[in-house]
Amino acid sequence: QVQLVESGGGLVQPGDSLRLSCTASGRTLAAYVMGWFRQAPGKEREFVGRISRSGGVTTYSDSVKGRFTISRVNAKNTLYLQMNSLKPEDTAIYYCAAGSRPDLDFVTTTRYYDHWGQGTQVTVSS
């Protein structure tokens, strides 16, 4: 089992940048496809992006493409989400998630991921 802990959230102004981290313990991060999701009040948890085990392939939702970048350092068991040009609509709790299924059909949905962190709050407001 892998345990995930997110950090780096906070209150920022529109246009600012923020980097979230997700640290894994219990099992090596390299064994997992990793995803970032977010959930705003009153809304369902939505896909933000994902990264392959090696870090060579990334996929993003249309709402963050070009502004957010996912990366990972497997040697440090850490996943990152660099968020630039933040908007008020990016306000949400951000979760990292780990999945290990070989079939990637549902990799952009919560269904694919078996392990979740507790989330970190990101608030974008002037």
Foldseek 3Di string as FASTA:
>chain_A
DKAKAKDWADEAAAQAKTKMKIAIDDDFQLQWWKFKWWDDPPDDIFGAKIAHSVRPDIDGDPVQPPFWDWGDDRVRRMIMIIGGRDDQVVWTWMKMFTARDPDCPQVRDPVRGDYIYPTDTHGYHD
